Structures are given as C-alpha cells and as structure tokens.
C-alpha atoms as a PDB file:
ATOM      1  CA  MET A   1      18.271  -3.809  -2.463  1.00  0.00           C
ATOM      2  CA  GLU A   2      18.443  -4.588   1.207  1.00  0.00           C
ATOM      3  CA  GLU A   3      20.143  -7.828   2.151  1.00  0.00           C
ATOM      4  CA  ARG A   4      17.795 -10.153   3.984  1.00  0.00           C
ATOM      5  CA  THR A   5      18.890 -12.562   6.684  1.00  0.00           C
ATOM      6  CA  ALA A   6      17.100 -15.741   7.774  1.00  0.00           C
ATOM      7  CA  LYS A   7      15.250 -13.662  10.360  1.00  0.00           C
ATOM      8  CA  THR A   8      13.961 -11.218   7.737  1.00  0.00           C
ATOM      9  CA  THR A   9      12.723 -13.547   5.010  1.00  0.00           C
ATOM     10  CA  VAL A  10       9.241 -12.123   5.206  1.00  0.00           C
ATOM     11  CA  LYS A  11       7.475 -11.735   1.865  1.00  0.00           C
ATOM     12  CA  ARG A  12       6.199  -8.165   1.607  1.00  0.00           C
ATOM     13  CA  ILE A  13       2.938  -7.734  -0.295  1.00  0.00           C
ATOM     14  CA  VAL A  14       1.690  -4.155  -0.698  1.00  0.00           C
ATOM     15  CA  ILE A  15      -1.971  -3.559  -1.414  1.00  0.00           C
ATOM     16  CA  ILE A  16      -2.100  -0.224  -3.201  1.00  0.00           C
ATOM     17  CA  GLY A  17      -4.630   1.794  -5.138  1.00  0.00           C
ATOM     18  CA  PRO A  18      -6.733   4.932  -5.129  1.00  0.00           C
ATOM     19  CA  GLU A  19      -9.186   5.720  -2.365  1.00  0.00           C
ATOM     20  CA  SER A  20     -12.131   3.407  -1.852  1.00  0.00           C
ATOM     21  CA  THR A  21     -10.767   0.450  -3.816  1.00  0.00           C
ATOM     22  CA  GLY A  22     -10.921  -2.147  -1.055  1.00  0.00           C
ATOM     23  CA  LYS A  23      -7.316  -2.055   0.151  1.00  0.00           C
ATOM     24  CA  THR A  24      -8.110  -2.448   3.834  1.00  0.00           C
ATOM     25  CA  THR A  25     -10.623  -5.245   3.287  1.00  0.00           C
ATOM     26  CA  LEU A  26      -8.191  -7.100   1.050  1.00  0.00           C
ATOM     27  CA  SER A  27      -5.289  -6.611   3.490  1.00  0.00           C
ATOM     28  CA  LYS A  28      -7.347  -8.106   6.316  1.00  0.00           C
ATOM     29  CA  GLN A  29      -8.548 -11.024   4.173  1.00  0.00           C
ATOM     30  CA  LEU A  30      -5.047 -11.905   2.991  1.00  0.00           C
ATOM     31  CA  ALA A  31      -3.536 -11.653   6.474  1.00  0.00           C
ATOM     32  CA  HIS A  32      -6.289 -13.924   7.778  1.00  0.00           C
ATOM     33  CA  GLU A  33      -5.754 -16.422   4.945  1.00  0.00           C
ATOM     34  CA  TYR A  34      -1.983 -16.496   5.528  1.00  0.00           C
ATOM     35  CA  LYS A  35      -2.285 -16.404   9.343  1.00  0.00           C
ATOM     36  CA  THR A  36      -0.084 -13.358   9.663  1.00  0.00           C
ATOM     37  CA  VAL A  37      -0.280  -9.625  10.361  1.00  0.00           C
ATOM     38  CA  TRP A  38      -1.129  -6.676   8.164  1.00  0.00           C
ATOM     39  CA  ILE A  39      -0.117  -3.045   8.495  1.00  0.00           C
ATOM     40  CA  PRO A  40      -3.021  -0.600   8.619  1.00  0.00           C
ATOM     41  CA  GLU A  41      -2.847   2.711   6.795  1.00  0.00           C
ATOM     42  CA  TYR A  42      -1.655   5.257   9.345  1.00  0.00           C
ATOM     43  CA  ALA A  43      -2.660   8.288   7.233  1.00  0.00           C
ATOM     44  CA  ARG A  44      -6.368   7.656   7.682  1.00  0.00           C
ATOM     45  CA  THR A  45      -6.158   7.463  11.489  1.00  0.00           C
ATOM     46  CA  TYR A  46      -3.893  10.506  11.704  1.00  0.00           C
ATOM     47  CA  VAL A  47      -5.959  12.748   9.416  1.00  0.00           C
ATOM     48  CA  GLU A  48      -9.237  11.702  11.076  1.00  0.00           C
ATOM     49  CA  GLN A  49      -7.875  12.780  14.465  1.00  0.00           C
ATOM     50  CA  LEU A  50      -6.067  15.918  13.272  1.00  0.00           C
ATOM     51  CA  GLY A  51      -8.933  18.366  13.808  1.00  0.00           C
ATOM     52  CA  ARG A  52      -7.664  20.745  11.113  1.00  0.00           C
ATOM     53  CA  PRO A  53      -6.590  20.578   7.469  1.00  0.00           C
ATOM     54  CA  TYR A  54      -3.352  18.639   7.025  1.00  0.00           C
ATOM     55  CA  HIS A  55      -0.074  20.342   6.058  1.00  0.00           C
ATOM     56  CA  TYR A  56       3.159  19.232   4.397  1.00  0.00           C
ATOM     57  CA  GLU A  57       4.731  18.458   7.780  1.00  0.00           C
ATOM     58  CA  ASP A  58       1.761  16.228   8.626  1.00  0.00           C
ATOM     59  CA  VAL A  59       2.290  14.172   5.487  1.00  0.00           C
ATOM     60  CA  LEU A  60       5.993  13.804   6.349  1.00  0.00           C
ATOM     61  CA  HIS A  61       5.010  12.658   9.847  1.00  0.00           C
ATOM     62  CA  ILE A  62       2.642  10.113   8.266  1.00  0.00           C
ATOM     63  CA  ALA A  63       5.464   8.812   6.054  1.00  0.00           C
ATOM     64  CA  GLU A  64       7.851   8.447   9.008  1.00  0.00           C
ATOM     65  CA  LYS A  65       5.220   6.688  11.126  1.00  0.00           C
ATOM     66  CA  GLN A  66       4.349   4.316   8.248  1.00  0.00           C
ATOM     67  CA  VAL A  67       8.042   3.327   8.076  1.00  0.00           C
ATOM     68  CA  ASP A  68       8.073   2.733  11.856  1.00  0.00           C
ATOM     69  CA  LEU A  69       4.985   0.541  11.538  1.00  0.00           C
ATOM     70  CA  ASP A  70       6.640  -1.342   8.689  1.00  0.00           C
ATOM     71  CA  VAL A  71       9.638  -2.224  10.872  1.00  0.00           C
ATOM     72  CA  HIS A  72       7.459  -3.160  13.849  1.00  0.00           C
ATOM     73  CA  TYR A  73       5.005  -5.366  11.959  1.00  0.00           C
ATOM     74  CA  GLU A  74       7.735  -7.084   9.946  1.00  0.00           C
ATOM     75  CA  SER A  75       9.107  -8.431  13.210  1.00  0.00           C
ATOM     76  CA  LEU A  76       5.654  -9.909  13.980  1.00  0.00           C
ATOM     77  CA  ALA A  77       4.962 -11.385  10.544  1.00  0.00           C
ATOM     78  CA  ASN A  78       4.551 -15.086   9.927  1.00  0.00           C
ATOM     79  CA  GLY A  79       6.235 -15.530   6.537  1.00  0.00           C
ATOM     80  CA  PHE A  80       4.133 -12.837   4.864  1.00  0.00           C
ATOM     81  CA  LEU A  81       3.439  -9.199   5.634  1.00  0.00           C
ATOM     82  CA  PHE A  82       0.520  -7.419   3.987  1.00  0.00           C
ATOM     83  CA  LEU A  83       0.687  -3.635   3.832  1.00  0.00           C
ATOM     84  CA  ASP A  84      -2.454  -1.535   3.430  1.00  0.00           C
ATOM     85  CA  THR A  85      -0.489   1.128   1.492  1.00  0.00           C
ATOM     86  CA  ASP A  86       3.149   2.168   1.325  1.00  0.00           C
ATOM     87  CA  LEU A  87       5.223   5.239   0.619  1.00  0.00           C
ATOM     88  CA  ILE A  88       4.345   5.298  -3.085  1.00  0.00           C
ATOM     89  CA  ILE A  89       0.969   6.730  -2.120  1.00  0.00           C
ATOM     90  CA  THR A  90       2.653   9.213   0.216  1.00  0.00           C
ATOM     91  CA  LYS A  91       5.154  10.228  -2.462  1.00  0.00           C
ATOM     92  CA  ILE A  92       2.412  10.885  -5.013  1.00  0.00           C
ATOM     93  CA  TRP A  93       0.359  12.731  -2.377  1.00  0.00           C
ATOM     94  CA  LEU A  94       3.309  15.026  -1.617  1.00  0.00           C
ATOM     95  CA  LEU A  95       4.032  15.646  -5.288  1.00  0.00           C
ATOM     96  CA  TRP A  96       0.428  16.346  -6.266  1.00  0.00           C
ATOM     97  CA  VAL A  97      -0.498  18.520  -3.307  1.00  0.00           C
ATOM     98  CA  TYR A  98       2.847  20.239  -2.509  1.00  0.00           C
ATOM     99  CA  ASN A  99       4.914  19.703  -5.661  1.00  0.00           C
ATOM    100  CA  GLU A 100       7.819  18.291  -3.658  1.00  0.00           C
ATOM    101  CA  CYS A 101       8.922  15.099  -1.967  1.00  0.00           C
ATOM    102  CA  PRO A 102      12.017  14.511   0.171  1.00  0.00           C
ATOM    103  CA  ALA A 103      14.719  12.297  -1.351  1.00  0.00           C
ATOM    104  CA  TRP A 104      14.637   9.858   1.585  1.00  0.00           C
ATOM    105  CA  ILE A 105      11.234   8.581   0.422  1.00  0.00           C
ATOM    106  CA  ASP A 106      12.587   7.651  -3.023  1.00  0.00           C
ATOM    107  CA  HIS A 107      15.589   6.037  -1.359  1.00  0.00           C
ATOM    108  CA  TYR A 108      13.367   4.028   0.988  1.00  0.00           C
ATOM    109  CA  LEU A 109      11.141   2.855  -1.863  1.00  0.00           C
ATOM    110  CA  SER A 110      14.095   1.691  -3.932  1.00  0.00           C
ATOM    111  CA  GLU A 111      15.860  -0.037  -1.028  1.00  0.00           C
ATOM    112  CA  LYS A 112      12.950  -1.674   0.837  1.00  0.00           C
ATOM    113  CA  LYS A 113      12.344  -4.885  -1.091  1.00  0.00           C
ATOM    114  CA  THR A 114       8.723  -5.532  -1.995  1.00  0.00           C
ATOM    115  CA  ASP A 115       7.827  -8.959  -3.355  1.00  0.00           C
ATOM    116  CA  LEU A 116       4.543  -7.910  -4.955  1.00  0.00           C
ATOM    117  CA  TYR A 117       2.273  -4.921  -5.398  1.00  0.00           C
ATOM    118  CA  LEU A 118      -1.416  -5.715  -5.670  1.00  0.00           C
ATOM    119  CA  LEU A 119      -2.855  -2.700  -7.482  1.00  0.00           C
ATOM    120  CA  CYS A 120      -6.564  -2.384  -6.716  1.00  0.00           C
ATOM    121  CA  ASN A 121      -8.665  -1.463  -9.719  1.00  0.00           C
ATOM    122  CA  THR A 122     -11.235   1.325  -9.510  1.00  0.00           C
ATOM    123  CA  ASP A 123     -14.115  -1.038 -10.364  1.00  0.00           C
ATOM    124  CA  ILE A 124     -15.524  -0.623  -6.841  1.00  0.00           C
ATOM    125  CA  PRO A 125     -17.678   2.503  -6.412  1.00  0.00           C
ATOM    126  CA  TRP A 126     -16.098   5.445  -4.604  1.00  0.00           C
ATOM    127  CA  VAL A 127     -17.728   5.970  -1.218  1.00  0.00           C
ATOM    128  CA  PRO A 128     -17.330   9.441   0.311  1.00  0.00           C
ATOM    129  CA  ASP A 129     -16.099   9.915   3.847  1.00  0.00           C
ATOM    130  CA  PRO A 130     -14.516  12.847   5.711  1.00  0.00           C
ATOM    131  CA  VAL A 131     -10.906  12.029   4.717  1.00  0.00           C
ATOM    132  CA  ARG A 132     -11.365  11.034   1.071  1.00  0.00           C
ATOM    133  CA  GLU A 133     -10.550  13.704  -1.521  1.00  0.00           C
ATOM    134  CA  ASN A 134     -10.267  12.040  -4.921  1.00  0.00           C
ATOM    135  CA  PRO A 135     -13.477  10.815  -6.557  1.00  0.00           C
ATOM    136  CA  GLY A 136     -14.247  10.438 -10.242  1.00  0.00           C
ATOM    137  CA  GLU A 137     -11.494  10.934 -12.798  1.00  0.00           C
ATOM    138  CA  MET A 138      -8.899  11.492 -10.070  1.00  0.00           C
ATOM    139  CA  ARG A 139      -9.150   7.816  -9.128  1.00  0.00           C
ATOM    140  CA  GLU A 140      -8.153   6.800 -12.647  1.00  0.00           C
ATOM    141  CA  LYS A 141      -5.319   9.329 -12.731  1.00  0.00           C
ATOM    142  CA  LEU A 142      -4.022   8.069  -9.382  1.00  0.00           C
ATOM    143  CA  PHE A 143      -4.341   4.445 -10.503  1.00  0.00           C
ATOM    144  CA  LYS A 144      -2.197   5.152 -13.571  1.00  0.00           C
ATOM    145  CA  THR A 145       0.308   7.184 -11.543  1.00  0.00           C
ATOM    146  CA  TYR A 146       0.733   4.430  -8.936  1.00  0.00           C
ATOM    147  CA  LYS A 147       1.153   1.827 -11.682  1.00  0.00           C
ATOM    148  CA  LYS A 148       3.801   3.932 -13.425  1.00  0.00           C
ATOM    149  CA  GLU A 149       5.690   4.468 -10.143  1.00  0.00           C
ATOM    150  CA  ILE A 150       5.672   0.741  -9.329  1.00  0.00           C
ATOM    151  CA  GLU A 151       6.934  -0.054 -12.830  1.00  0.00           C
ATOM    152  CA  SER A 152       9.712   2.538 -12.496  1.00  0.00           C
ATOM    153  CA  LEU A 153      10.872   0.801  -9.302  1.00  0.00           C
ATOM    154  CA  GLY A 154      10.905  -2.556 -11.103  1.00  0.00           C
ATOM    155  CA  TYR A 155       8.744  -4.437  -8.629  1.00  0.00           C
ATOM    156  CA  PRO A 156       6.228  -7.110  -9.662  1.00  0.00           C
ATOM    157  CA  CYS A 157       2.706  -5.739  -9.876  1.00  0.00           C
ATOM    158  CA  ARG A 158      -0.638  -7.393 -10.517  1.00  0.00           C
ATOM    159  CA  MET A 159      -4.003  -5.711 -10.845  1.00  0.00           C
ATOM    160  CA  VAL A 160      -6.795  -6.876  -8.552  1.00  0.00           C
ATOM    161  CA  SER A 161     -10.348  -6.529  -9.872  1.00  0.00           C
ATOM    162  CA  GLY A 162     -13.870  -7.582  -9.089  1.00  0.00           C
ATOM    163  CA  THR A 163     -15.992  -7.307  -5.995  1.00  0.00           C
ATOM    164  CA  GLY A 164     -16.226  -9.407  -2.863  1.00  0.00           C
ATOM    165  CA  GLU A 165     -14.958 -12.950  -3.222  1.00  0.00           C
ATOM    166  CA  THR A 166     -13.959 -12.308  -6.853  1.00  0.00           C
ATOM    167  CA  ARG A 167     -11.559  -9.569  -5.745  1.00  0.00           C
ATOM    168  CA  PHE A 168     -10.051 -11.815  -3.076  1.00  0.00           C
ATOM    169  CA  LYS A 169      -9.639 -14.632  -5.631  1.00  0.00           C
ATOM    170  CA  SER A 170      -7.974 -12.167  -8.019  1.00  0.00           C
ATOM    171  CA  ALA A 171      -5.432 -11.344  -5.289  1.00  0.00           C
ATOM    172  CA  MET A 172      -4.859 -15.002  -4.447  1.00  0.00           C
ATOM    173  CA  ASP A 173      -4.335 -15.806  -8.151  1.00  0.00           C
ATOM    174  CA  ALA A 174      -1.718 -13.043  -8.351  1.00  0.00           C
ATOM    175  CA  LEU A 175       0.139 -14.528  -5.380  1.00  0.00           C
ATOM    176  CA  LYS A 176       0.009 -17.978  -6.980  1.00  0.00           C
ATOM    177  CA  ASP A 177       1.241 -16.606 -10.332  1.00  0.00           C
ATOM    178  CA  LEU A 178       4.397 -15.394  -8.615  1.00  0.00           C
ATOM    179  CA  ASN A 179       4.737 -18.533  -6.485  1.00  0.00           C
ATOM    180  CA  LEU A 180       4.076 -16.544  -3.332  1.00  0.00           C
ATOM    181  CA  LEU A 181       2.226 -19.399  -1.747  1.00  0.00           C
ATOM    182  CA  HIS A 182       1.638 -20.235   1.872  1.00  0.00           C
ATOM    183  CA  PRO A 183       4.915 -20.809   3.756  1.00  0.00           C
END
C-alpha cells in the first residue's frame, strides 16, 4: 500500500456499481454532506463526445484520465474524497469487452489505498441513455463481478440500497460503521 503523509490523509470513498444505480447522485450528496469534492466519471463524458463506437485504446485513455483526475481532486479534497467510479469498473470493462487488461491497472488498484467501497445495489430501475449498454441480467452479473473484485483486493465494502433519502442514509450508515465520520 502507498505510504500516506500528513498532506495525503484524505479518506477515499469509491461509489461503484453497475449502470444506472445512482452513483453520481450519491457521490454529489456525500461530497455536499462532507463539504468536499467528488470525482466525476470521465468515461461517460468521453464516450458521449466520441462520435463513434469506442475502441480498446479509448478505454485505456479513459483509465489514464481517471487516474489523472484522482491525483488532481485528491489535492483539493477536504478530509474525504468521493469517487464516482474507479478502475475496477474499467478493468472489468476491458476484460468483458476485449478479454484483456494491462497489468498497470491491477497494480494501481492494489497500491492506491481505498478506505471504503460503497457498492450500489441494482434496486433502482435501469434507465436507458445513449452510453449505457448493460440492462437486465447484465446489471446483476456486473454487481457480483465488482463485489468479487473488491473482495479480492481486500478493501472494505458495504452495499448501498434503497431509493432517494433511504439510499443516502444507507451510505451514511456504512461510513459510520467504519468510523469514517466527518473530520
């Protein structure tokens, strides 16, 4: 694990889950509650503006840019940093679509300390949009795959369920359970 200095004592909380499970909403709510910043998902913006089907190299670019955003936003964080995705999703994306993933992504995931993964349950209906590809049973498969990957890395993980305020309370309860309270 990476050694953290006094300047880098930011608690990293990753909001992860299949498409259309409220990750962005929850990231914004938590950042607002903790008076800090959150990192938006770069993949969505990139793919929306691409103007063509994405390729392997595009997904690698997305991964590299997400790491750059991670470094930038960590320097702006106020005790906590909420991430609307991380490289676990990118790793699974690469493996499922292209059957390969560069070793640097595994290395990054094992070395970049994460204090908690909030795994968003699929109990919110899937809403189609131009960049979403995985409705129905795929959401459940992805949920299980993300959970397994987080467990293999040994990071704390809590499931977030419910809708609206209930979902937010579920996330806050998970933070409290791990004593990740306001600084």
